[in-house]
């Protein structure tokens, strides 16, 4: 976790530069910059590139990282009170998430997005409340709420346990069920029967 926290904390600006190409496939044409200011240049077919608005040729990314263990090692960490790094990571990125929403999401919402705005505000408050409970034990709802907020603001994100197998697949399956029930009106019982 120390490595992940260090990388996320120090990665700085990541941006993607889009350029037109005569090739038929999207490809990474070059990566430039330094460890703390990476620019990935993607070559797009001209037919696709021409569909983009002029201001979208450079896309900036901001990295957020939340850590919340739910395995047996986390149980031990709670028992011996060794969750300080996890708490610092989450506190730092909760603040960064709120600043991002205040700066980029909230001012750009139209009336059409009013429902998303209200849901996002409520979810940010829930996340802050859930975080307080994570200091005392395992709360998988914290992970679920991070996923929901990620969808609300349209971010690219990933979920992974240390081995990226069982707990990761359970988390992703649970998220897909939430999407099917929340956005497509599928009954949760039906979703779990598949």
C-alpha atoms as a PDB file:
ATOM      1  CA  UNK A   1       0.000   0.000   0.000  1.00  0.00           C
ATOM      2  CA  UNK A   2       2.885   2.337   0.669  1.00  0.00           C
ATOM      3  CA  UNK A   3       3.960   2.120  -2.971  1.00  0.00           C
ATOM      4  CA  UNK A   4       0.438   2.744  -4.321  1.00  0.00           C
ATOM      5  CA  UNK A   5      -0.064   5.661  -1.946  1.00  0.00           C
ATOM      6  CA  UNK A   6       3.272   7.195  -2.906  1.00  0.00           C
ATOM      7  CA  UNK A   7       2.600   6.879  -6.636  1.00  0.00           C
ATOM      8  CA  UNK A   8      -0.924   8.309  -6.418  1.00  0.00           C
ATOM      9  CA  UNK A   9       0.235  11.149  -4.192  1.00  0.00           C
ATOM     10  CA  UNK A  10       3.155  12.116  -6.421  1.00  0.00           C
ATOM     11  CA  UNK A  11       2.005  11.358  -9.931  1.00  0.00           C
ATOM     12  CA  UNK A  12       1.018  14.975 -10.567  1.00  0.00           C
ATOM     13  CA  UNK A  13      -0.643  15.799 -13.837  1.00  0.00           C
ATOM     14  CA  UNK A  14      -1.398  13.045 -16.283  1.00  0.00           C
ATOM     15  CA  UNK A  15      -2.766  14.132 -19.617  1.00  0.00           C
ATOM     16  CA  UNK A  16      -3.670  12.534 -22.908  1.00  0.00           C
ATOM     17  CA  UNK A  17      -2.949  14.394 -26.122  1.00  0.00           C
ATOM     18  CA  UNK A  18      -5.096  13.360 -29.092  1.00  0.00           C
ATOM     19  CA  UNK A  19      -3.831  13.624 -32.660  1.00  0.00           C
ATOM     20  CA  UNK A  20      -5.142  12.645 -36.086  1.00  0.00           C
ATOM     21  CA  UNK A  21      -3.581   9.711 -37.902  1.00  0.00           C
ATOM     22  CA  UNK A  22      -3.968   7.982 -41.265  1.00  0.00           C
ATOM     23  CA  UNK A  23      -4.022   4.622 -39.499  1.00  0.00           C
ATOM     24  CA  UNK A  24      -7.328   2.817 -38.898  1.00  0.00           C
ATOM     25  CA  UNK A  25      -6.777   1.968 -35.218  1.00  0.00           C
ATOM     26  CA  UNK A  26      -6.299   3.977 -32.056  1.00  0.00           C
ATOM     27  CA  UNK A  27      -2.752   3.567 -30.760  1.00  0.00           C
ATOM     28  CA  UNK A  28      -0.344   5.090 -28.292  1.00  0.00           C
ATOM     29  CA  UNK A  29       2.144   6.947 -30.444  1.00  0.00           C
ATOM     30  CA  UNK A  30       4.390   8.281 -27.680  1.00  0.00           C
ATOM     31  CA  UNK A  31       4.745   8.930 -23.965  1.00  0.00           C
ATOM     32  CA  UNK A  32       6.623  12.047 -22.907  1.00  0.00           C
ATOM     33  CA  UNK A  33       7.219  14.089 -19.782  1.00  0.00           C
ATOM     34  CA  UNK A  34       8.568  13.083 -16.422  1.00  0.00           C
ATOM     35  CA  UNK A  35       7.412  10.925 -13.540  1.00  0.00           C
ATOM     36  CA  UNK A  36       5.369  13.822 -12.207  1.00  0.00           C
ATOM     37  CA  UNK A  37       3.972  15.171 -15.505  1.00  0.00           C
ATOM     38  CA  UNK A  38       3.199  12.405 -17.998  1.00  0.00           C
ATOM     39  CA  UNK A  39       1.719  13.089 -21.457  1.00  0.00           C
ATOM     40  CA  UNK A  40       0.380  10.098 -23.377  1.00  0.00           C
ATOM     41  CA  UNK A  41      -0.234  10.856 -27.044  1.00  0.00           C
ATOM     42  CA  UNK A  42      -2.932   8.796 -28.730  1.00  0.00           C
ATOM     43  CA  UNK A  43      -3.232   8.649 -32.494  1.00  0.00           C
ATOM     44  CA  UNK A  44      -6.854   8.451 -33.658  1.00  0.00           C
ATOM     45  CA  UNK A  45      -8.130   7.680 -37.148  1.00  0.00           C
ATOM     46  CA  UNK A  46      -8.981  10.970 -38.912  1.00  0.00           C
ATOM     47  CA  UNK A  47     -12.637   9.953 -39.155  1.00  0.00           C
ATOM     48  CA  UNK A  48     -12.846   9.666 -35.363  1.00  0.00           C
ATOM     49  CA  UNK A  49     -10.633  12.679 -34.642  1.00  0.00           C
ATOM     50  CA  UNK A  50     -12.854  14.926 -36.790  1.00  0.00           C
ATOM     51  CA  UNK A  51     -15.828  14.181 -34.511  1.00  0.00           C
ATOM     52  CA  UNK A  52     -14.123  15.688 -31.460  1.00  0.00           C
ATOM     53  CA  UNK A  53     -14.778  19.266 -30.387  1.00  0.00           C
ATOM     54  CA  UNK A  54     -11.633  21.420 -30.797  1.00  0.00           C
ATOM     55  CA  UNK A  55     -11.099  21.916 -27.070  1.00  0.00           C
ATOM     56  CA  UNK A  56     -11.037  18.191 -26.327  1.00  0.00           C
ATOM     57  CA  UNK A  57      -7.696  17.377 -27.979  1.00  0.00           C
ATOM     58  CA  UNK A  58      -5.905  17.430 -24.634  1.00  0.00           C
ATOM     59  CA  UNK A  59      -7.485  15.624 -21.719  1.00  0.00           C
ATOM     60  CA  UNK A  60      -6.144  16.099 -18.181  1.00  0.00           C
ATOM     61  CA  UNK A  61      -6.445  13.414 -15.542  1.00  0.00           C
ATOM     62  CA  UNK A  62      -6.422  13.632 -11.775  1.00  0.00           C
ATOM     63  CA  UNK A  63      -5.537  10.545  -9.792  1.00  0.00           C
ATOM     64  CA  UNK A  64      -7.517   9.513  -6.707  1.00  0.00           C
ATOM     65  CA  UNK A  65      -6.829   6.493  -4.538  1.00  0.00           C
ATOM     66  CA  UNK A  66      -8.944   4.964  -1.787  1.00  0.00           C
ATOM     67  CA  UNK A  67      -7.789   2.058   0.336  1.00  0.00           C
ATOM     68  CA  UNK A  68     -10.090  -0.113   2.399  1.00  0.00           C
ATOM     69  CA  UNK A  69      -9.176  -3.679   3.238  1.00  0.00           C
ATOM     70  CA  UNK A  70     -11.781  -6.377   3.803  1.00  0.00           C
ATOM     71  CA  UNK A  71      -9.651  -9.495   4.114  1.00  0.00           C
ATOM     72  CA  UNK A  72      -8.162 -11.276   7.135  1.00  0.00           C
ATOM     73  CA  UNK A  73      -5.041  -9.073   7.086  1.00  0.00           C
ATOM     74  CA  UNK A  74      -7.274  -6.046   7.573  1.00  0.00           C
ATOM     75  CA  UNK A  75      -8.849  -7.711  10.615  1.00  0.00           C
ATOM     76  CA  UNK A  76      -5.392  -8.052  12.143  1.00  0.00           C
ATOM     77  CA  UNK A  77      -4.552  -4.432  11.250  1.00  0.00           C
ATOM     78  CA  UNK A  78      -7.650  -3.245  13.131  1.00  0.00           C
ATOM     79  CA  UNK A  79      -6.854  -5.399  16.149  1.00  0.00           C
ATOM     80  CA  UNK A  80      -3.302  -4.057  16.473  1.00  0.00           C
ATOM     81  CA  UNK A  81      -4.309  -0.513  15.468  1.00  0.00           C
ATOM     82  CA  UNK A  82      -2.111  -0.398  12.334  1.00  0.00           C
ATOM     83  CA  UNK A  83      -4.403   1.441   9.928  1.00  0.00           C
ATOM     84  CA  UNK A  84      -2.674   4.836   9.972  1.00  0.00           C
ATOM     85  CA  UNK A  85      -1.402   4.736   6.378  1.00  0.00           C
ATOM     86  CA  UNK A  86      -4.790   3.675   5.038  1.00  0.00           C
ATOM     87  CA  UNK A  87      -6.470   6.462   6.997  1.00  0.00           C
ATOM     88  CA  UNK A  88      -4.029   9.114   5.715  1.00  0.00           C
ATOM     89  CA  UNK A  89      -4.504   7.958   2.122  1.00  0.00           C
ATOM     90  CA  UNK A  90      -8.296   8.069   2.378  1.00  0.00           C
ATOM     91  CA  UNK A  91      -8.379  11.437   4.169  1.00  0.00           C
ATOM     92  CA  UNK A  92      -6.099  13.009   1.574  1.00  0.00           C
ATOM     93  CA  UNK A  93      -8.077  11.693  -1.381  1.00  0.00           C
ATOM     94  CA  UNK A  94     -11.495  12.428   0.148  1.00  0.00           C
ATOM     95  CA  UNK A  95     -10.393  16.058   0.312  1.00  0.00           C
ATOM     96  CA  UNK A  96      -8.999  15.906  -3.230  1.00  0.00           C
ATOM     97  CA  UNK A  97     -12.262  14.357  -4.500  1.00  0.00           C
ATOM     98  CA  UNK A  98     -14.335  17.105  -2.863  1.00  0.00           C
ATOM     99  CA  UNK A  99     -12.062  19.788  -4.354  1.00  0.00           C
ATOM    100  CA  UNK A 100     -12.352  18.177  -7.803  1.00  0.00           C
ATOM    101  CA  UNK A 101     -16.150  18.077  -7.592  1.00  0.00           C
ATOM    102  CA  UNK A 102     -16.298  21.703  -6.381  1.00  0.00           C
ATOM    103  CA  UNK A 103     -13.966  22.897  -9.142  1.00  0.00           C
ATOM    104  CA  UNK A 104     -14.970  20.818 -12.174  1.00  0.00           C
ATOM    105  CA  UNK A 105     -18.310  19.080 -11.664  1.00  0.00           C
ATOM    106  CA  UNK A 106     -20.601  21.416  -9.733  1.00  0.00           C
ATOM    107  CA  UNK A 107     -20.054  24.588 -11.849  1.00  0.00           C
ATOM    108  CA  UNK A 108     -20.671  22.672 -15.086  1.00  0.00           C
ATOM    109  CA  UNK A 109     -23.993  21.086 -14.152  1.00  0.00           C
ATOM    110  CA  UNK A 110     -27.070  22.104 -16.093  1.00  0.00           C
ATOM    111  CA  UNK A 111     -30.685  21.615 -15.039  1.00  0.00           C
ATOM    112  CA  UNK A 112     -30.593  18.341 -16.964  1.00  0.00           C
ATOM    113  CA  UNK A 113     -27.982  17.074 -14.505  1.00  0.00           C
ATOM    114  CA  UNK A 114     -29.787  18.332 -11.388  1.00  0.00           C
ATOM    115  CA  UNK A 115     -30.677  14.779 -10.269  1.00  0.00           C
ATOM    116  CA  UNK A 116     -27.043  13.682 -10.622  1.00  0.00           C
ATOM    117  CA  UNK A 117     -25.942  16.781  -8.706  1.00  0.00           C
ATOM    118  CA  UNK A 118     -28.235  16.029  -5.767  1.00  0.00           C
ATOM    119  CA  UNK A 119     -27.245  12.354  -5.787  1.00  0.00           C
ATOM    120  CA  UNK A 120     -23.571  13.287  -5.939  1.00  0.00           C
ATOM    121  CA  UNK A 121     -23.865  15.673  -3.008  1.00  0.00           C
ATOM    122  CA  UNK A 122     -25.676  13.019  -0.969  1.00  0.00           C
ATOM    123  CA  UNK A 123     -23.144  10.353  -1.959  1.00  0.00           C
ATOM    124  CA  UNK A 124     -20.186  12.552  -0.996  1.00  0.00           C
ATOM    125  CA  UNK A 125     -21.781  13.092   2.419  1.00  0.00           C
ATOM    126  CA  UNK A 126     -22.429   9.344   2.764  1.00  0.00           C
ATOM    127  CA  UNK A 127     -18.832   8.582   1.779  1.00  0.00           C
ATOM    128  CA  UNK A 128     -17.498  10.948   4.440  1.00  0.00           C
ATOM    129  CA  UNK A 129     -19.779   9.298   7.017  1.00  0.00           C
ATOM    130  CA  UNK A 130     -18.790   5.788   5.958  1.00  0.00           C
ATOM    131  CA  UNK A 131     -15.127   6.742   6.135  1.00  0.00           C
ATOM    132  CA  UNK A 132     -15.526   7.537   9.846  1.00  0.00           C
ATOM    133  CA  UNK A 133     -16.774   3.970  10.381  1.00  0.00           C
ATOM    134  CA  UNK A 134     -13.907   2.415   8.377  1.00  0.00           C
ATOM    135  CA  UNK A 135     -11.514   3.463  11.135  1.00  0.00           C
ATOM    136  CA  UNK A 136     -13.231   0.951  13.411  1.00  0.00           C
ATOM    137  CA  UNK A 137     -13.861  -1.993  11.097  1.00  0.00           C
ATOM    138  CA  UNK A 138     -14.572  -3.346   7.648  1.00  0.00           C
ATOM    139  CA  UNK A 139     -17.248  -1.494   5.697  1.00  0.00           C
ATOM    140  CA  UNK A 140     -17.568  -2.772   2.117  1.00  0.00           C
ATOM    141  CA  UNK A 141     -20.181  -0.033   1.571  1.00  0.00           C
ATOM    142  CA  UNK A 142     -17.262   2.425   1.551  1.00  0.00           C
ATOM    143  CA  UNK A 143     -15.936   0.715  -1.596  1.00  0.00           C
ATOM    144  CA  UNK A 144     -19.426   0.625  -3.137  1.00  0.00           C
ATOM    145  CA  UNK A 145     -19.899   4.345  -2.482  1.00  0.00           C
ATOM    146  CA  UNK A 146     -16.512   5.151  -4.077  1.00  0.00           C
ATOM    147  CA  UNK A 147     -17.658   3.213  -7.145  1.00  0.00           C
ATOM    148  CA  UNK A 148     -20.988   5.083  -7.271  1.00  0.00           C
ATOM    149  CA  UNK A 149     -19.334   8.493  -7.011  1.00  0.00           C
ATOM    150  CA  UNK A 150     -16.922   7.457  -9.747  1.00  0.00           C
ATOM    151  CA  UNK A 151     -19.881   6.709 -12.021  1.00  0.00           C
ATOM    152  CA  UNK A 152     -21.601   9.961 -10.997  1.00  0.00           C
ATOM    153  CA  UNK A 153     -18.650  12.075 -12.130  1.00  0.00           C
ATOM    154  CA  UNK A 154     -17.807   9.940 -15.175  1.00  0.00           C
ATOM    155  CA  UNK A 155     -14.345   8.872 -14.108  1.00  0.00           C
ATOM    156  CA  UNK A 156     -12.177   6.001 -15.235  1.00  0.00           C
ATOM    157  CA  UNK A 157     -11.427   3.789 -12.254  1.00  0.00           C
ATOM    158  CA  UNK A 158     -10.490   0.334 -11.159  1.00  0.00           C
ATOM    159  CA  UNK A 159     -11.033  -1.879  -8.147  1.00  0.00           C
ATOM    160  CA  UNK A 160      -8.423  -4.387  -7.106  1.00  0.00           C
ATOM    161  CA  UNK A 161      -7.548  -6.521  -4.148  1.00  0.00           C
ATOM    162  CA  UNK A 162      -3.909  -7.444  -3.549  1.00  0.00           C
ATOM    163  CA  UNK A 163      -4.031 -10.545  -5.774  1.00  0.00           C
ATOM    164  CA  UNK A 164      -6.674  -9.059  -8.144  1.00  0.00           C
ATOM    165  CA  UNK A 165      -8.715 -12.266  -8.055  1.00  0.00           C
ATOM    166  CA  UNK A 166     -11.549 -13.319  -5.750  1.00  0.00           C
ATOM    167  CA  UNK A 167     -12.401 -10.134  -3.845  1.00  0.00           C
ATOM    168  CA  UNK A 168     -11.924  -8.052  -6.976  1.00  0.00           C
ATOM    169  CA  UNK A 169     -14.300 -10.225  -8.987  1.00  0.00           C
ATOM    170  CA  UNK A 170     -16.865 -10.138  -6.172  1.00  0.00           C
ATOM    171  CA  UNK A 171     -16.649  -6.348  -6.029  1.00  0.00           C
ATOM    172  CA  UNK A 172     -17.032  -5.958  -9.792  1.00  0.00           C
ATOM    173  CA  UNK A 173     -19.976  -8.403  -9.900  1.00  0.00           C
ATOM    174  CA  UNK A 174     -21.678  -6.525  -7.057  1.00  0.00           C
ATOM    175  CA  UNK A 175     -21.131  -3.224  -8.867  1.00  0.00           C
ATOM    176  CA  UNK A 176     -22.650  -4.589 -12.086  1.00  0.00           C
ATOM    177  CA  UNK A 177     -25.682  -5.782 -10.115  1.00  0.00           C
ATOM    178  CA  UNK A 178     -26.031  -2.291  -8.623  1.00  0.00           C
ATOM    179  CA  UNK A 179     -25.898  -0.758 -12.113  1.00  0.00           C
ATOM    180  CA  UNK A 180     -28.492  -3.205 -13.446  1.00  0.00           C
ATOM    181  CA  UNK A 181     -30.874  -2.574 -10.544  1.00  0.00           C
ATOM    182  CA  UNK A 182     -30.288   1.177 -10.172  1.00  0.00           C
ATOM    183  CA  UNK A 183     -30.107   2.246 -13.798  1.00  0.00           C
ATOM    184  CA  UNK A 184     -31.970  -0.494 -15.675  1.00  0.00           C
ATOM    185  CA  UNK A 185     -34.690  -1.440 -13.144  1.00  0.00           C
ATOM    186  CA  UNK A 186     -33.634  -5.086 -12.874  1.00  0.00           C
ATOM    187  CA  UNK A 187     -34.740  -6.662  -9.603  1.00  0.00           C
ATOM    188  CA  UNK A 188     -31.696  -7.513  -7.444  1.00  0.00           C
ATOM    189  CA  UNK A 189     -32.959 -11.054  -6.794  1.00  0.00           C
ATOM    190  CA  UNK A 190     -33.046 -11.684 -10.565  1.00  0.00           C
ATOM    191  CA  UNK A 191     -29.565 -10.252 -10.929  1.00  0.00           C
ATOM    192  CA  UNK A 192     -28.149 -12.550  -8.246  1.00  0.00           C
ATOM    193  CA  UNK A 193     -29.717 -15.645  -9.854  1.00  0.00           C
ATOM    194  CA  UNK A 194     -27.564 -15.330 -12.998  1.00  0.00           C
END
